Protein backbone atom coordinates (compact mmCIF):
# COMPACT_ATOMS: atom_id res chain seq x y z
CA UNK A 1 14.41 3.63 3.13
CA UNK A 2 16.04 1.20 0.57
CA UNK A 3 16.24 -2.58 0.92
CA UNK A 4 16.74 -5.52 -1.48
CA UNK A 5 14.02 -8.11 -1.33
CA UNK A 6 15.78 -11.53 -2.29
CA UNK A 7 12.64 -13.18 -3.27
CA UNK A 8 8.44 -13.42 -2.74
CA UNK A 9 8.80 -14.54 0.89
CA UNK A 10 11.16 -11.57 1.75
CA UNK A 11 8.32 -9.28 0.06
CA UNK A 12 5.83 -10.95 2.40
CA UNK A 13 8.02 -10.29 5.28
CA UNK A 14 8.16 -6.95 4.43
CA UNK A 15 4.25 -6.70 4.11
CA UNK A 16 4.36 -8.11 7.80
CA UNK A 17 6.80 -5.51 8.85
CA UNK A 18 4.58 -2.49 7.46
CA UNK A 19 1.57 -4.01 8.72
CA UNK A 20 3.37 -4.07 12.51
CA UNK A 21 4.06 -0.58 11.70
CA UNK A 22 0.34 0.46 10.74
CA UNK A 23 -1.22 -1.24 13.69
CA UNK A 24 0.57 1.21 15.86
CA UNK A 25 -0.97 4.10 13.64
CA UNK A 26 -4.01 5.74 15.50
CA UNK A 27 -5.40 7.46 12.18
CA UNK A 28 -5.84 6.37 8.36
CA UNK A 29 -2.86 6.42 6.13
CA UNK A 30 -2.76 6.60 2.21
CA UNK A 31 -0.04 4.72 0.40
CA UNK A 32 0.85 4.74 -2.81
CA UNK A 33 2.79 1.82 -4.62
CA UNK A 34 4.66 2.24 -7.79
CA UNK A 35 6.92 -0.10 -10.01
CA UNK A 36 6.86 -2.27 -12.76
CA UNK A 37 4.19 -4.71 -13.70
CA UNK A 38 4.75 -7.88 -11.75
CA UNK A 39 7.39 -6.44 -9.37
CA UNK A 40 5.25 -7.36 -6.28
CA UNK A 41 3.15 -4.42 -5.42
CA UNK A 42 0.13 -6.43 -5.12
CA UNK A 43 2.04 -9.32 -3.23
CA UNK A 44 3.22 -6.57 -0.63
CA UNK A 45 -0.19 -5.27 -0.14
CA UNK A 46 -1.75 -8.73 0.06
CA UNK A 47 0.74 -9.83 2.89
CA UNK A 48 0.10 -6.46 4.61
CA UNK A 49 -3.61 -6.87 4.82
CA UNK A 50 -3.73 -10.60 5.67
CA UNK A 51 -0.89 -9.53 8.59
CA UNK A 52 -3.33 -6.72 9.73
CA UNK A 53 -6.14 -9.57 10.36
CA UNK A 54 -7.96 -10.26 7.16
CA UNK A 55 -8.62 -13.90 6.90
CA UNK A 56 -9.88 -14.28 3.58
CA UNK A 57 -8.20 -13.90 0.15
CA UNK A 58 -6.83 -10.57 -0.82
CA UNK A 59 -7.25 -10.31 -4.67
CA UNK A 60 -5.88 -8.01 -6.99
CA UNK A 61 -8.11 -5.31 -7.80
CA UNK A 62 -6.99 -5.10 -11.74
CA UNK A 63 -10.30 -5.05 -12.96
CA UNK A 64 -12.74 -3.78 -9.98
CA UNK A 65 -10.12 -0.94 -9.25
CA UNK A 66 -11.13 -0.91 -5.43
CA UNK A 67 -11.29 -3.85 -3.11
CA UNK A 68 -12.27 -2.92 0.53
CA UNK A 69 -11.08 -5.45 3.53
CA UNK A 70 -12.75 -4.92 7.00
CA UNK A 71 -10.39 -5.27 9.54
CA UNK A 72 -10.87 -5.26 13.41
CA UNK A 73 -11.57 -1.33 13.87
CA UNK A 74 -10.81 0.37 10.33
CA UNK A 75 -11.12 -0.65 6.64
CA UNK A 76 -8.32 -1.40 4.48
CA UNK A 77 -8.77 -0.29 0.77
CA UNK A 78 -6.71 -1.53 -2.08
CA UNK A 79 -6.88 0.13 -5.07
CA UNK A 80 -5.14 -0.65 -8.77
CA UNK A 81 -5.89 2.23 -11.04
CA UNK A 82 -3.75 0.81 -13.92
CA UNK A 83 -6.91 0.28 -16.09
CA UNK A 84 -8.36 3.91 -15.05
CA UNK A 85 -9.58 5.44 -18.05
CA UNK A 86 -9.77 8.97 -16.56
CA UNK A 87 -9.38 10.10 -12.96
CA UNK A 88 -12.61 11.53 -12.88
CA UNK A 89 -14.14 7.53 -12.93
CA UNK A 90 -13.04 7.53 -8.91
CA UNK A 91 -16.00 9.81 -8.01
CA UNK A 92 -18.33 6.77 -9.64
CA UNK A 93 -16.21 4.26 -7.55
CA UNK A 94 -16.65 5.64 -4.49
CA UNK A 95 -13.59 7.56 -3.92
CA UNK A 96 -15.35 9.97 -1.52
CA UNK A 97 -16.24 6.87 0.77
CA UNK A 98 -12.72 6.82 2.06
CA UNK A 99 -13.10 7.58 5.69
CA UNK A 100 -10.22 9.28 8.04
CA UNK A 101 -9.26 5.93 9.79
CA UNK A 102 -8.93 3.92 6.38
CA UNK A 103 -5.55 2.19 5.48
CA UNK A 104 -5.70 3.06 1.64
CA UNK A 105 -3.11 1.38 -0.85
CA UNK A 106 -2.85 2.83 -4.33
CA UNK A 107 -1.17 1.09 -7.32
CA UNK A 108 -0.57 3.51 -10.15
CA UNK A 109 -1.88 6.51 -8.18
CA UNK A 110 -0.74 8.65 -10.56
CA UNK A 111 -3.68 7.79 -12.98
CA UNK A 112 -5.87 9.30 -10.14
CA UNK A 113 -4.13 12.42 -9.68
CA UNK A 114 -6.60 15.35 -8.54
CA UNK A 115 -9.12 12.80 -7.04
CA UNK A 116 -7.01 10.92 -4.80
CA UNK A 117 -6.54 12.20 -0.90
CA UNK A 118 -2.79 13.12 -0.08
CA UNK A 119 -0.41 10.21 -0.26
CA UNK A 120 1.30 9.93 3.05
CA UNK A 121 3.98 7.25 2.06
CA UNK A 122 5.42 6.37 -1.26
CA UNK A 123 6.58 2.82 -1.76
CA UNK A 124 8.55 1.62 -4.99
CA UNK A 125 9.22 -1.92 -6.11
CA UNK A 126 11.73 -2.36 -8.78
CA UNK A 127 13.09 -5.49 -10.53
CA UNK A 128 16.97 -5.97 -9.62
CA UNK A 129 18.03 -9.10 -11.20
CA UNK A 130 16.11 -11.90 -9.42
CA UNK A 131 15.55 -9.78 -6.65
CA UNK A 132 13.34 -6.56 -6.02
CA UNK A 133 14.47 -3.07 -4.75
CA UNK A 134 12.14 -1.93 -2.09
CA UNK A 135 12.02 1.71 -1.60
CA UNK A 136 10.03 3.89 0.69
CA UNK A 137 9.81 7.80 1.01
CA UNK A 138 7.68 9.86 3.08
CA UNK A 139 5.41 12.63 1.60
CA UNK A 140 3.58 14.39 4.38
CA UNK A 141 4.48 14.87 7.91
CA UNK A 142 2.24 11.88 9.20
CA UNK A 143 4.15 9.94 6.13
CA UNK A 144 7.62 10.65 7.95
CA UNK A 145 6.66 9.56 11.36
CA UNK A 146 5.20 6.22 9.77
CA UNK A 147 8.77 5.84 7.52
CA UNK A 148 10.41 6.51 10.92
CA UNK A 149 8.53 3.71 12.58
CA UNK A 150 9.00 1.39 9.49
CA UNK A 151 12.55 1.63 9.48
CA UNK A 152 12.98 0.82 13.20
CA UNK A 153 10.55 -2.09 12.91
CA UNK A 154 12.53 -3.22 10.05
CA UNK A 155 15.65 -2.79 11.92
CA UNK A 156 14.62 -4.94 14.87
CA UNK A 157 14.01 -7.91 12.54
């Protein structure tokens, strides 16, 4: 999937599309987010988690590294590993607390290599002039099914 997001509002809309897709998923999903600093990764996750029903603020986990959000029937975990010193630190941060039904969003996932659960869907946001280029790629069979639904949901809008 490859889309141009014109502005922050378009990034939020893509977050809502992702949330709609995830609501139909009867199992947990691990999503990595990559791209330059400030490209909109956290904004996309914020919009997604809020569209999934979280009423409070969704903060950047830049310093806490992991922020959990209780949803109706599962937990969403937003991780930002940019400041992670060593992947082994994830053990002390509760990486083993991730459950099979959790929705996990990981920024800078490459910094946690060897300690993270398998990535199902890889999302990338890059600057393209004043807009952002959004790309999605499946990394597992589960991710392929999710990506197919994401494309279908996006095309309906």
